[in-house]
């Protein structure tokens, strides 16, 4: 790959990313299969599934959305939501299959393109992630039914809202920064991180926390720790930041720090399965076998596949 060309698209200018969130949906979508948009009951069930994810109950959440899809097989947003959940659960081939289904409804959709970039990073494929960001720049604007969690939207087109938000721009720079760090392009990685912060003015701590999490999964632990600590400095009440920092310190084998991070996370959300499991592994490593067993058992009660989910993040018992 020509990395100088990649830098032209990803670091040296924000113009293509600006266009990403300000263009109309692709005309090719008009020929896509009819998207039902789902029923009110479908959306209620998806809301229930999101609450499960909030507590780390991915398997149950995925099953719920699968039930929605079985009843409404033309509900494109349900496939996208399931793809995200499958990605979080480490079930990447299934997530990619759902991404293909979404594109049958919304060809060249930037949400799907961004999901593919995230999956590339989870697979430690930095080159694929940068190439994916080039595809994002050519994709249509985000399109989805009106929903508060997606951010601000402007204008209706065929019943869908076109999202125009800086969050996607800052996420693109975050992913570029991680990919460049993986390729040991340190100056470019820092330049991307700087652009990420310039692009995100409303919720910088949230974007930094996600950067930390994705960098931890990609084993860029120094960058991950840096961005998590910066997120905490900006807003120290976000539970996801402490869970992500726990993952960082666990992978660094700094077990006392990991336990402290997970304690912060579990103080607010005592049943968060990923934090419970992570703390259990850290407790085992420090010799607290009984405490570790209790945490891992609690995590498994709510998420029977927690071990494989954490393994997809690079965390294994005894590791």
C-alpha atoms as a PDB file:
ATOM      1  CA  UNK A   1       0.000   0.000   0.000  1.00  0.00           C
ATOM      2  CA  UNK A   2       1.157   3.563  -0.698  1.00  0.00           C
ATOM      3  CA  UNK A   3       1.236   4.992   2.836  1.00  0.00           C
ATOM      4  CA  UNK A   4       1.965   8.510   1.637  1.00  0.00           C
ATOM      5  CA  UNK A   5      -1.339   8.320  -0.203  1.00  0.00           C
ATOM      6  CA  UNK A   6      -3.033   6.963   2.905  1.00  0.00           C
ATOM      7  CA  UNK A   7      -1.705   9.908   4.914  1.00  0.00           C
ATOM      8  CA  UNK A   8      -3.124  12.307   2.336  1.00  0.00           C
ATOM      9  CA  UNK A   9      -6.558  10.839   3.008  1.00  0.00           C
ATOM     10  CA  UNK A  10      -6.351  10.113   6.696  1.00  0.00           C
ATOM     11  CA  UNK A  11      -4.086  12.656   8.387  1.00  0.00           C
ATOM     12  CA  UNK A  12      -3.136  15.695   6.356  1.00  0.00           C
ATOM     13  CA  UNK A  13      -6.674  16.854   5.710  1.00  0.00           C
ATOM     14  CA  UNK A  14     -10.107  16.524   7.244  1.00  0.00           C
ATOM     15  CA  UNK A  15     -11.868  17.456   4.041  1.00  0.00           C
ATOM     16  CA  UNK A  16     -12.892  13.975   2.997  1.00  0.00           C
ATOM     17  CA  UNK A  17     -14.165  13.240   6.492  1.00  0.00           C
ATOM     18  CA  UNK A  18     -16.148  16.463   6.467  1.00  0.00           C
ATOM     19  CA  UNK A  19     -17.762  15.372   3.220  1.00  0.00           C
ATOM     20  CA  UNK A  20     -18.546  11.984   4.714  1.00  0.00           C
ATOM     21  CA  UNK A  21     -21.058  13.496   7.092  1.00  0.00           C
ATOM     22  CA  UNK A  22     -22.484  16.120   4.776  1.00  0.00           C
ATOM     23  CA  UNK A  23     -23.293  14.275   1.569  1.00  0.00           C
ATOM     24  CA  UNK A  24     -26.665  12.825   0.660  1.00  0.00           C
ATOM     25  CA  UNK A  25     -27.254   9.093   0.715  1.00  0.00           C
ATOM     26  CA  UNK A  26     -26.046   7.253  -2.354  1.00  0.00           C
ATOM     27  CA  UNK A  27     -28.480   7.109  -5.232  1.00  0.00           C
ATOM     28  CA  UNK A  28     -27.752   3.398  -5.481  1.00  0.00           C
ATOM     29  CA  UNK A  29     -29.694   2.862  -2.254  1.00  0.00           C
ATOM     30  CA  UNK A  30     -32.882   3.504  -4.214  1.00  0.00           C
ATOM     31  CA  UNK A  31     -32.488   0.151  -5.915  1.00  0.00           C
ATOM     32  CA  UNK A  32     -31.738  -1.723  -2.678  1.00  0.00           C
ATOM     33  CA  UNK A  33     -34.285  -4.062  -1.062  1.00  0.00           C
ATOM     34  CA  UNK A  34     -37.084  -2.347   0.831  1.00  0.00           C
ATOM     35  CA  UNK A  35     -36.030  -1.635   4.422  1.00  0.00           C
ATOM     36  CA  UNK A  36     -39.017  -2.096   6.723  1.00  0.00           C
ATOM     37  CA  UNK A  37     -37.571   0.072   9.484  1.00  0.00           C
ATOM     38  CA  UNK A  38     -38.939  -2.394  12.011  1.00  0.00           C
ATOM     39  CA  UNK A  39     -42.033  -2.220  14.214  1.00  0.00           C
ATOM     40  CA  UNK A  40     -42.423  -0.410  17.561  1.00  0.00           C
ATOM     41  CA  UNK A  41     -42.184  -3.818  19.254  1.00  0.00           C
ATOM     42  CA  UNK A  42     -38.959  -4.545  17.359  1.00  0.00           C
ATOM     43  CA  UNK A  43     -37.466  -1.300  18.622  1.00  0.00           C
ATOM     44  CA  UNK A  44     -38.524  -2.025  22.183  1.00  0.00           C
ATOM     45  CA  UNK A  45     -36.857  -5.415  22.015  1.00  0.00           C
ATOM     46  CA  UNK A  46     -33.694  -3.839  20.618  1.00  0.00           C
ATOM     47  CA  UNK A  47     -33.753  -1.355  23.502  1.00  0.00           C
ATOM     48  CA  UNK A  48     -33.876  -4.342  25.862  1.00  0.00           C
ATOM     49  CA  UNK A  49     -30.925  -5.881  24.032  1.00  0.00           C
ATOM     50  CA  UNK A  50     -28.910  -2.690  24.404  1.00  0.00           C
ATOM     51  CA  UNK A  51     -29.547  -2.752  28.128  1.00  0.00           C
ATOM     52  CA  UNK A  52     -28.156  -6.282  28.196  1.00  0.00           C
ATOM     53  CA  UNK A  53     -25.031  -5.091  26.390  1.00  0.00           C
ATOM     54  CA  UNK A  54     -24.679  -2.274  28.930  1.00  0.00           C
ATOM     55  CA  UNK A  55     -24.166  -4.977  31.561  1.00  0.00           C
ATOM     56  CA  UNK A  56     -22.040  -7.210  29.338  1.00  0.00           C
ATOM     57  CA  UNK A  57     -24.729  -9.805  28.589  1.00  0.00           C
ATOM     58  CA  UNK A  58     -23.824 -10.113  24.918  1.00  0.00           C
ATOM     59  CA  UNK A  59     -25.140 -13.605  24.240  1.00  0.00           C
ATOM     60  CA  UNK A  60     -28.632 -12.762  25.458  1.00  0.00           C
ATOM     61  CA  UNK A  61     -28.590  -9.442  23.598  1.00  0.00           C
ATOM     62  CA  UNK A  62     -27.593 -11.120  20.335  1.00  0.00           C
ATOM     63  CA  UNK A  63     -30.340 -13.718  20.783  1.00  0.00           C
ATOM     64  CA  UNK A  64     -32.899 -10.957  21.314  1.00  0.00           C
ATOM     65  CA  UNK A  65     -31.899  -9.098  18.147  1.00  0.00           C
ATOM     66  CA  UNK A  66     -31.836 -12.384  16.241  1.00  0.00           C
ATOM     67  CA  UNK A  67     -35.459 -12.872  17.300  1.00  0.00           C
ATOM     68  CA  UNK A  68     -36.272  -9.411  15.940  1.00  0.00           C
ATOM     69  CA  UNK A  69     -34.612 -10.272  12.631  1.00  0.00           C
ATOM     70  CA  UNK A  70     -36.456 -13.586  12.408  1.00  0.00           C
ATOM     71  CA  UNK A  71     -39.746 -11.681  12.633  1.00  0.00           C
ATOM     72  CA  UNK A  72     -38.665  -8.682  10.527  1.00  0.00           C
ATOM     73  CA  UNK A  73     -36.083  -9.955   8.024  1.00  0.00           C
ATOM     74  CA  UNK A  74     -36.099  -6.647   6.103  1.00  0.00           C
ATOM     75  CA  UNK A  75     -35.139  -4.531   9.130  1.00  0.00           C
ATOM     76  CA  UNK A  76     -31.656  -3.348   8.109  1.00  0.00           C
ATOM     77  CA  UNK A  77     -30.892  -1.526  11.336  1.00  0.00           C
ATOM     78  CA  UNK A  78     -31.373  -4.730  13.303  1.00  0.00           C
ATOM     79  CA  UNK A  79     -28.650  -6.401  11.230  1.00  0.00           C
ATOM     80  CA  UNK A  80     -26.312  -3.472  11.870  1.00  0.00           C
ATOM     81  CA  UNK A  81     -27.001  -3.526  15.612  1.00  0.00           C
ATOM     82  CA  UNK A  82     -26.436  -7.282  15.730  1.00  0.00           C
ATOM     83  CA  UNK A  83     -23.216  -6.846  13.743  1.00  0.00           C
ATOM     84  CA  UNK A  84     -21.945  -4.427  16.372  1.00  0.00           C
ATOM     85  CA  UNK A  85     -22.888  -6.789  19.196  1.00  0.00           C
ATOM     86  CA  UNK A  86     -21.245  -9.722  17.443  1.00  0.00           C
ATOM     87  CA  UNK A  87     -18.120  -7.605  16.991  1.00  0.00           C
ATOM     88  CA  UNK A  88     -18.043  -6.785  20.698  1.00  0.00           C
ATOM     89  CA  UNK A  89     -18.465 -10.489  21.450  1.00  0.00           C
ATOM     90  CA  UNK A  90     -15.494 -11.355  19.231  1.00  0.00           C
ATOM     91  CA  UNK A  91     -17.631 -13.228  16.705  1.00  0.00           C
ATOM     92  CA  UNK A  92     -16.105 -11.424  13.758  1.00  0.00           C
ATOM     93  CA  UNK A  93     -17.060 -13.687  10.802  1.00  0.00           C
ATOM     94  CA  UNK A  94     -20.709 -13.485  11.873  1.00  0.00           C
ATOM     95  CA  UNK A  95     -20.427  -9.715  12.239  1.00  0.00           C
ATOM     96  CA  UNK A  96     -19.030  -9.410   8.724  1.00  0.00           C
ATOM     97  CA  UNK A  97     -21.882 -11.538   7.373  1.00  0.00           C
ATOM     98  CA  UNK A  98     -24.371  -9.128   8.956  1.00  0.00           C
ATOM     99  CA  UNK A  99     -22.446  -6.193   7.495  1.00  0.00           C
ATOM    100  CA  UNK A 100     -22.952  -7.742   4.067  1.00  0.00           C
ATOM    101  CA  UNK A 101     -26.691  -7.972   4.755  1.00  0.00           C
ATOM    102  CA  UNK A 102     -26.875  -4.292   5.723  1.00  0.00           C
ATOM    103  CA  UNK A 103     -25.153  -3.322   2.500  1.00  0.00           C
ATOM    104  CA  UNK A 104     -27.840  -5.180   0.555  1.00  0.00           C
ATOM    105  CA  UNK A 105     -30.276  -2.581   1.938  1.00  0.00           C
ATOM    106  CA  UNK A 106     -27.916   0.420   1.998  1.00  0.00           C
ATOM    107  CA  UNK A 107     -25.077  -0.063  -0.478  1.00  0.00           C
ATOM    108  CA  UNK A 108     -21.853   1.733   0.300  1.00  0.00           C
ATOM    109  CA  UNK A 109     -23.048   2.787   3.762  1.00  0.00           C
ATOM    110  CA  UNK A 110     -20.392   4.468   5.911  1.00  0.00           C
ATOM    111  CA  UNK A 111     -21.585   2.870   9.155  1.00  0.00           C
ATOM    112  CA  UNK A 112     -20.789  -0.533   7.695  1.00  0.00           C
ATOM    113  CA  UNK A 113     -17.481   0.715   6.302  1.00  0.00           C
ATOM    114  CA  UNK A 114     -16.482   2.000   9.758  1.00  0.00           C
ATOM    115  CA  UNK A 115     -17.480  -1.301  11.342  1.00  0.00           C
ATOM    116  CA  UNK A 116     -15.204  -3.106   8.899  1.00  0.00           C
ATOM    117  CA  UNK A 117     -12.334  -0.801   9.966  1.00  0.00           C
ATOM    118  CA  UNK A 118     -12.958  -1.695  13.611  1.00  0.00           C
ATOM    119  CA  UNK A 119     -12.979  -5.386  12.763  1.00  0.00           C
ATOM    120  CA  UNK A 120      -9.669  -4.989  10.913  1.00  0.00           C
ATOM    121  CA  UNK A 121      -8.126  -3.432  14.032  1.00  0.00           C
ATOM    122  CA  UNK A 122      -9.487  -6.274  16.174  1.00  0.00           C
ATOM    123  CA  UNK A 123      -7.788  -8.649  13.753  1.00  0.00           C
ATOM    124  CA  UNK A 124      -4.539  -6.672  14.137  1.00  0.00           C
ATOM    125  CA  UNK A 125      -4.679  -5.732  10.453  1.00  0.00           C
ATOM    126  CA  UNK A 126      -3.374  -2.164  10.393  1.00  0.00           C
ATOM    127  CA  UNK A 127      -3.025  -2.003   6.622  1.00  0.00           C
ATOM    128  CA  UNK A 128      -6.591  -3.233   6.184  1.00  0.00           C
ATOM    129  CA  UNK A 129      -7.818  -0.619   8.633  1.00  0.00           C
ATOM    130  CA  UNK A 130      -6.167   2.232   6.728  1.00  0.00           C
ATOM    131  CA  UNK A 131      -7.457   0.924   3.426  1.00  0.00           C
ATOM    132  CA  UNK A 132     -10.894   0.657   5.035  1.00  0.00           C
ATOM    133  CA  UNK A 133     -10.745   4.306   6.042  1.00  0.00           C
ATOM    134  CA  UNK A 134     -10.233   5.211   2.406  1.00  0.00           C
ATOM    135  CA  UNK A 135     -13.412   3.290   1.592  1.00  0.00           C
ATOM    136  CA  UNK A 136     -15.222   5.143   4.393  1.00  0.00           C
ATOM    137  CA  UNK A 137     -14.366   8.415   2.703  1.00  0.00           C
ATOM    138  CA  UNK A 138     -16.175   7.284  -0.451  1.00  0.00           C
ATOM    139  CA  UNK A 139     -19.224   5.901   1.332  1.00  0.00           C
ATOM    140  CA  UNK A 140     -22.661   7.422   1.689  1.00  0.00           C
ATOM    141  CA  UNK A 141     -23.659   9.450   4.722  1.00  0.00           C
ATOM    142  CA  UNK A 142     -24.914   7.495   7.695  1.00  0.00           C
ATOM    143  CA  UNK A 143     -28.553   6.537   7.289  1.00  0.00           C
ATOM    144  CA  UNK A 144     -30.787   5.066   9.970  1.00  0.00           C
ATOM    145  CA  UNK A 145     -34.124   5.406  11.656  1.00  0.00           C
ATOM    146  CA  UNK A 146     -34.400   8.139  14.249  1.00  0.00           C
ATOM    147  CA  UNK A 147     -32.855   6.994  17.504  1.00  0.00           C
ATOM    148  CA  UNK A 148     -31.357   9.040  20.313  1.00  0.00           C
ATOM    149  CA  UNK A 149     -28.239   6.910  20.847  1.00  0.00           C
ATOM    150  CA  UNK A 150     -26.994   7.562  17.322  1.00  0.00           C
ATOM    151  CA  UNK A 151     -26.328  11.261  17.818  1.00  0.00           C
ATOM    152  CA  UNK A 152     -27.776  14.237  16.012  1.00  0.00           C
ATOM    153  CA  UNK A 153     -29.509  13.857  12.674  1.00  0.00           C
ATOM    154  CA  UNK A 154     -30.673  16.265  10.042  1.00  0.00           C
ATOM    155  CA  UNK A 155     -33.259  15.715   7.348  1.00  0.00           C
ATOM    156  CA  UNK A 156     -35.393  12.764   6.408  1.00  0.00           C
ATOM    157  CA  UNK A 157     -34.897  10.824   3.207  1.00  0.00           C
ATOM    158  CA  UNK A 158     -37.080   7.807   2.516  1.00  0.00           C
ATOM    159  CA  UNK A 159     -37.901   7.570   6.205  1.00  0.00           C
ATOM    160  CA  UNK A 160     -34.281   7.639   7.348  1.00  0.00           C
ATOM    161  CA  UNK A 161     -32.209  10.257   9.113  1.00  0.00           C
ATOM    162  CA  UNK A 162     -28.871  11.330   7.698  1.00  0.00           C
ATOM    163  CA  UNK A 163     -26.391  11.734  10.536  1.00  0.00           C
ATOM    164  CA  UNK A 164     -24.101  14.730  10.434  1.00  0.00           C
ATOM    165  CA  UNK A 165     -21.915  14.527  13.466  1.00  0.00           C
ATOM    166  CA  UNK A 166     -18.331  15.196  14.411  1.00  0.00           C
ATOM    167  CA  UNK A 167     -18.195  11.971  16.417  1.00  0.00           C
ATOM    168  CA  UNK A 168     -17.696   9.855  13.312  1.00  0.00           C
ATOM    169  CA  UNK A 169     -14.876  12.113  12.149  1.00  0.00           C
ATOM    170  CA  UNK A 170     -13.049  11.823  15.468  1.00  0.00           C
ATOM    171  CA  UNK A 171     -13.558   8.055  15.509  1.00  0.00           C
ATOM    172  CA  UNK A 172     -11.991   7.830  12.039  1.00  0.00           C
ATOM    173  CA  UNK A 173      -8.919   9.691  13.275  1.00  0.00           C
ATOM    174  CA  UNK A 174      -8.802   7.447  16.366  1.00  0.00           C
ATOM    175  CA  UNK A 175      -8.781   4.326  14.208  1.00  0.00           C
ATOM    176  CA  UNK A 176      -6.163   5.859  11.905  1.00  0.00           C
ATOM    177  CA  UNK A 177      -3.993   6.701  14.907  1.00  0.00           C
ATOM    178  CA  UNK A 178      -4.152   3.134  16.219  1.00  0.00           C
ATOM    179  CA  UNK A 179      -3.357   1.680  12.800  1.00  0.00           C
ATOM    180  CA  UNK A 180      -0.374   4.014  12.377  1.00  0.00           C
ATOM    181  CA  UNK A 181       0.883   3.083  15.840  1.00  0.00           C
ATOM    182  CA  UNK A 182       0.672  -0.596  14.887  1.00  0.00           C
ATOM    183  CA  UNK A 183       2.802   0.163  11.815  1.00  0.00           C
ATOM    184  CA  UNK A 184       5.317   2.099  14.000  1.00  0.00           C
ATOM    185  CA  UNK A 185       4.500   5.371  12.239  1.00  0.00           C
ATOM    186  CA  UNK A 186       4.693   7.209  15.546  1.00  0.00           C
ATOM    187  CA  UNK A 187       4.620  10.779  14.236  1.00  0.00           C
ATOM    188  CA  UNK A 188       1.589  10.044  12.091  1.00  0.00           C
ATOM    189  CA  UNK A 189      -0.147   8.306  15.007  1.00  0.00           C
ATOM    190  CA  UNK A 190       0.328  11.374  17.199  1.00  0.00           C
ATOM    191  CA  UNK A 191      -0.821  13.660  14.386  1.00  0.00           C
ATOM    192  CA  UNK A 192      -3.988  11.600  14.044  1.00  0.00           C
ATOM    193  CA  UNK A 193      -4.552  11.751  17.793  1.00  0.00           C
ATOM    194  CA  UNK A 194      -4.211  15.533  17.651  1.00  0.00           C
ATOM    195  CA  UNK A 195      -6.743  15.712  14.808  1.00  0.00           C
ATOM    196  CA  UNK A 196      -9.049  13.403  16.767  1.00  0.00           C
ATOM    197  CA  UNK A 197      -9.139  15.884  19.637  1.00  0.00           C
ATOM    198  CA  UNK A 198      -9.568  18.875  17.350  1.00  0.00           C
ATOM    199  CA  UNK A 199     -12.511  17.153  15.680  1.00  0.00           C
ATOM    200  CA  UNK A 200     -14.287  16.177  18.911  1.00  0.00           C
ATOM    201  CA  UNK A 201     -15.263  19.143  21.050  1.00  0.00           C
ATOM    202  CA  UNK A 202     -18.477  17.932  22.691  1.00  0.00           C
ATOM    203  CA  UNK A 203     -17.511  14.606  24.294  1.00  0.00           C
ATOM    204  CA  UNK A 204     -13.714  14.239  24.066  1.00  0.00           C
ATOM    205  CA  UNK A 205     -13.578  11.882  27.059  1.00  0.00           C
ATOM    206  CA  UNK A 206     -15.948   9.449  25.347  1.00  0.00           C
ATOM    207  CA  UNK A 207     -13.920   9.284  22.150  1.00  0.00           C
ATOM    208  CA  UNK A 208     -10.677   8.965  24.120  1.00  0.00           C
ATOM    209  CA  UNK A 209     -12.153   6.102  26.142  1.00  0.00           C
ATOM    210  CA  UNK A 210     -13.102   4.271  22.954  1.00  0.00           C
ATOM    211  CA  UNK A 211      -9.648   4.972  21.524  1.00  0.00           C
ATOM    212  CA  UNK A 212      -8.167   3.435  24.675  1.00  0.00           C
ATOM    213  CA  UNK A 213     -10.345   0.336  24.380  1.00  0.00           C
ATOM    214  CA  UNK A 214      -9.583  -0.262  20.707  1.00  0.00           C
ATOM    215  CA  UNK A 215      -5.856   0.394  21.210  1.00  0.00           C
ATOM    216  CA  UNK A 216      -5.838  -2.126  24.077  1.00  0.00           C
ATOM    217  CA  UNK A 217      -7.452  -4.792  21.882  1.00  0.00           C
ATOM    218  CA  UNK A 218      -4.876  -4.023  19.174  1.00  0.00           C
ATOM    219  CA  UNK A 219      -2.106  -4.437  21.812  1.00  0.00           C
ATOM    220  CA  UNK A 220      -0.986  -0.806  21.550  1.00  0.00           C
ATOM    221  CA  UNK A 221      -0.887  -0.620  25.325  1.00  0.00           C
ATOM    222  CA  UNK A 222       1.182   2.545  25.777  1.00  0.00           C
ATOM    223  CA  UNK A 223      -1.177   4.536  23.593  1.00  0.00           C
ATOM    224  CA  UNK A 224      -4.152   2.884  25.259  1.00  0.00           C
ATOM    225  CA  UNK A 225      -3.011   3.857  28.750  1.00  0.00           C
ATOM    226  CA  UNK A 226      -2.270   7.411  27.620  1.00  0.00           C
ATOM    227  CA  UNK A 227      -5.713   7.941  26.084  1.00  0.00           C
ATOM    228  CA  UNK A 228      -7.549   6.342  29.013  1.00  0.00           C
ATOM    229  CA  UNK A 229      -5.739   8.554  31.523  1.00  0.00           C
ATOM    230  CA  UNK A 230      -6.513  11.602  29.392  1.00  0.00           C
ATOM    231  CA  UNK A 231     -10.167  10.567  29.262  1.00  0.00           C
ATOM    232  CA  UNK A 232     -10.272  10.253  33.051  1.00  0.00           C
ATOM    233  CA  UNK A 233      -8.646  13.674  33.414  1.00  0.00           C
ATOM    234  CA  UNK A 234     -11.407  15.170  31.290  1.00  0.00           C
ATOM    235  CA  UNK A 235     -14.290  13.271  32.899  1.00  0.00           C
ATOM    236  CA  UNK A 236     -13.660  10.739  35.658  1.00  0.00           C
ATOM    237  CA  UNK A 237     -17.182   9.349  35.957  1.00  0.00           C
ATOM    238  CA  UNK A 238     -17.355   7.364  32.713  1.00  0.00           C
ATOM    239  CA  UNK A 239     -17.519   3.714  33.688  1.00  0.00           C
ATOM    240  CA  UNK A 240     -16.303   2.500  30.324  1.00  0.00           C
ATOM    241  CA  UNK A 241     -12.999   4.317  30.765  1.00  0.00           C
ATOM    242  CA  UNK A 242     -12.138   2.453  33.943  1.00  0.00           C
ATOM    243  CA  UNK A 243     -13.151  -0.868  32.411  1.00  0.00           C
ATOM    244  CA  UNK A 244     -10.912  -0.128  29.404  1.00  0.00           C
ATOM    245  CA  UNK A 245      -8.030   0.948  31.638  1.00  0.00           C
ATOM    246  CA  UNK A 246      -8.464  -2.281  33.580  1.00  0.00           C
ATOM    247  CA  UNK A 247      -8.040  -4.179  30.317  1.00  0.00           C
ATOM    248  CA  UNK A 248      -4.889  -2.188  29.556  1.00  0.00           C
ATOM    249  CA  UNK A 249      -3.291  -2.862  32.945  1.00  0.00           C
ATOM    250  CA  UNK A 250      -4.360  -6.501  32.863  1.00  0.00           C
ATOM    251  CA  UNK A 251      -2.597  -6.982  29.526  1.00  0.00           C
ATOM    252  CA  UNK A 252       0.420  -5.100  30.914  1.00  0.00           C
ATOM    253  CA  UNK A 253       0.404  -7.607  33.812  1.00  0.00           C
ATOM    254  CA  UNK A 254       0.051  -4.693  36.246  1.00  0.00           C
ATOM    255  CA  UNK A 255      -2.487  -6.633  38.253  1.00  0.00           C
ATOM    256  CA  UNK A 256      -2.853  -4.370  41.290  1.00  0.00           C
ATOM    257  CA  UNK A 257      -3.627  -1.438  39.006  1.00  0.00           C
ATOM    258  CA  UNK A 258      -6.069  -3.569  37.021  1.00  0.00           C
ATOM    259  CA  UNK A 259      -7.918  -4.547  40.209  1.00  0.00           C
ATOM    260  CA  UNK A 260      -8.157  -0.899  41.219  1.00  0.00           C
ATOM    261  CA  UNK A 261      -9.486   0.068  37.779  1.00  0.00           C
ATOM    262  CA  UNK A 262     -12.074  -2.685  37.826  1.00  0.00           C
ATOM    263  CA  UNK A 263     -13.093  -1.717  41.363  1.00  0.00           C
ATOM    264  CA  UNK A 264     -13.923   1.755  40.031  1.00  0.00           C
ATOM    265  CA  UNK A 265     -15.922   0.245  37.201  1.00  0.00           C
ATOM    266  CA  UNK A 266     -17.807  -2.228  39.394  1.00  0.00           C
ATOM    267  CA  UNK A 267     -18.572   0.395  42.021  1.00  0.00           C
ATOM    268  CA  UNK A 268     -20.955   1.974  39.501  1.00  0.00           C
ATOM    269  CA  UNK A 269     -22.022  -1.161  37.611  1.00  0.00           C
ATOM    270  CA  UNK A 270     -21.560  -4.149  39.957  1.00  0.00           C
ATOM    271  CA  UNK A 271     -22.718  -6.754  37.428  1.00  0.00           C
ATOM    272  CA  UNK A 272     -20.615  -5.680  34.430  1.00  0.00           C
ATOM    273  CA  UNK A 273     -19.432  -9.076  33.242  1.00  0.00           C
ATOM    274  CA  UNK A 274     -16.256  -7.957  31.475  1.00  0.00           C
ATOM    275  CA  UNK A 275     -15.059  -6.066  34.557  1.00  0.00           C
ATOM    276  CA  UNK A 276     -15.912  -8.974  36.846  1.00  0.00           C
ATOM    277  CA  UNK A 277     -14.059 -11.445  34.664  1.00  0.00           C
ATOM    278  CA  UNK A 278     -11.078  -9.134  34.232  1.00  0.00           C
ATOM    279  CA  UNK A 279     -10.853  -8.529  37.974  1.00  0.00           C
ATOM    280  CA  UNK A 280     -11.121 -12.273  38.542  1.00  0.00           C
ATOM    281  CA  UNK A 281      -8.135 -12.917  36.279  1.00  0.00           C
ATOM    282  CA  UNK A 282      -6.155 -10.164  38.029  1.00  0.00           C
ATOM    283  CA  UNK A 283      -7.057 -11.544  41.462  1.00  0.00           C
ATOM    284  CA  UNK A 284      -5.883 -14.998  40.438  1.00  0.00           C
ATOM    285  CA  UNK A 285      -2.585 -13.479  39.306  1.00  0.00           C
ATOM    286  CA  UNK A 286      -2.065 -11.850  42.714  1.00  0.00           C
ATOM    287  CA  UNK A 287      -2.813 -15.068  44.578  1.00  0.00           C
ATOM    288  CA  UNK A 288      -6.396 -14.275  45.588  1.00  0.00           C
ATOM    289  CA  UNK A 289      -7.803 -17.508  44.191  1.00  0.00           C
ATOM    290  CA  UNK A 290     -11.081 -17.415  46.126  1.00  0.00           C
ATOM    291  CA  UNK A 291     -11.782 -13.818  45.127  1.00  0.00           C
ATOM    292  CA  UNK A 292     -10.894 -14.534  41.516  1.00  0.00           C
ATOM    293  CA  UNK A 293     -13.108 -17.610  41.424  1.00  0.00           C
ATOM    294  CA  UNK A 294     -16.034 -15.621  42.834  1.00  0.00           C
ATOM    295  CA  UNK A 295     -15.651 -12.859  40.239  1.00  0.00           C
ATOM    296  CA  UNK A 296     -15.349 -15.275  37.317  1.00  0.00           C
ATOM    297  CA  UNK A 297     -18.345 -17.309  38.500  1.00  0.00           C
ATOM    298  CA  UNK A 298     -20.431 -14.126  38.803  1.00  0.00           C
ATOM    299  CA  UNK A 299     -19.437 -13.064  35.300  1.00  0.00           C
ATOM    300  CA  UNK A 300     -20.294 -16.474  33.853  1.00  0.00           C
ATOM    301  CA  UNK A 301     -23.746 -16.485  35.460  1.00  0.00           C
ATOM    302  CA  UNK A 302     -24.789 -13.488  33.354  1.00  0.00           C
ATOM    303  CA  UNK A 303     -22.629 -14.167  30.294  1.00  0.00           C
ATOM    304  CA  UNK A 304     -21.898 -17.857  29.726  1.00  0.00           C
ATOM    305  CA  UNK A 305     -19.486 -17.044  26.879  1.00  0.00           C
ATOM    306  CA  UNK A 306     -17.485 -14.451  28.818  1.00  0.00           C
ATOM    307  CA  UNK A 307     -14.258 -16.456  28.563  1.00  0.00           C
ATOM    308  CA  UNK A 308     -14.331 -16.477  24.740  1.00  0.00           C
ATOM    309  CA  UNK A 309     -15.372 -12.810  24.663  1.00  0.00           C
ATOM    310  CA  UNK A 310     -12.410 -11.814  26.827  1.00  0.00           C
ATOM    311  CA  UNK A 311     -10.125 -14.131  24.866  1.00  0.00           C
ATOM    312  CA  UNK A 312     -11.038 -12.147  21.752  1.00  0.00           C
ATOM    313  CA  UNK A 313      -9.637  -9.115  23.585  1.00  0.00           C
ATOM    314  CA  UNK A 314      -6.437 -10.969  24.397  1.00  0.00           C
ATOM    315  CA  UNK A 315      -7.294 -11.980  27.984  1.00  0.00           C
ATOM    316  CA  UNK A 316      -7.027 -15.626  29.011  1.00  0.00           C
ATOM    317  CA  UNK A 317      -6.772 -17.365  32.390  1.00  0.00           C
ATOM    318  CA  UNK A 318      -3.139 -17.562  33.413  1.00  0.00           C
ATOM    319  CA  UNK A 319      -2.187 -15.172  30.617  1.00  0.00           C
END
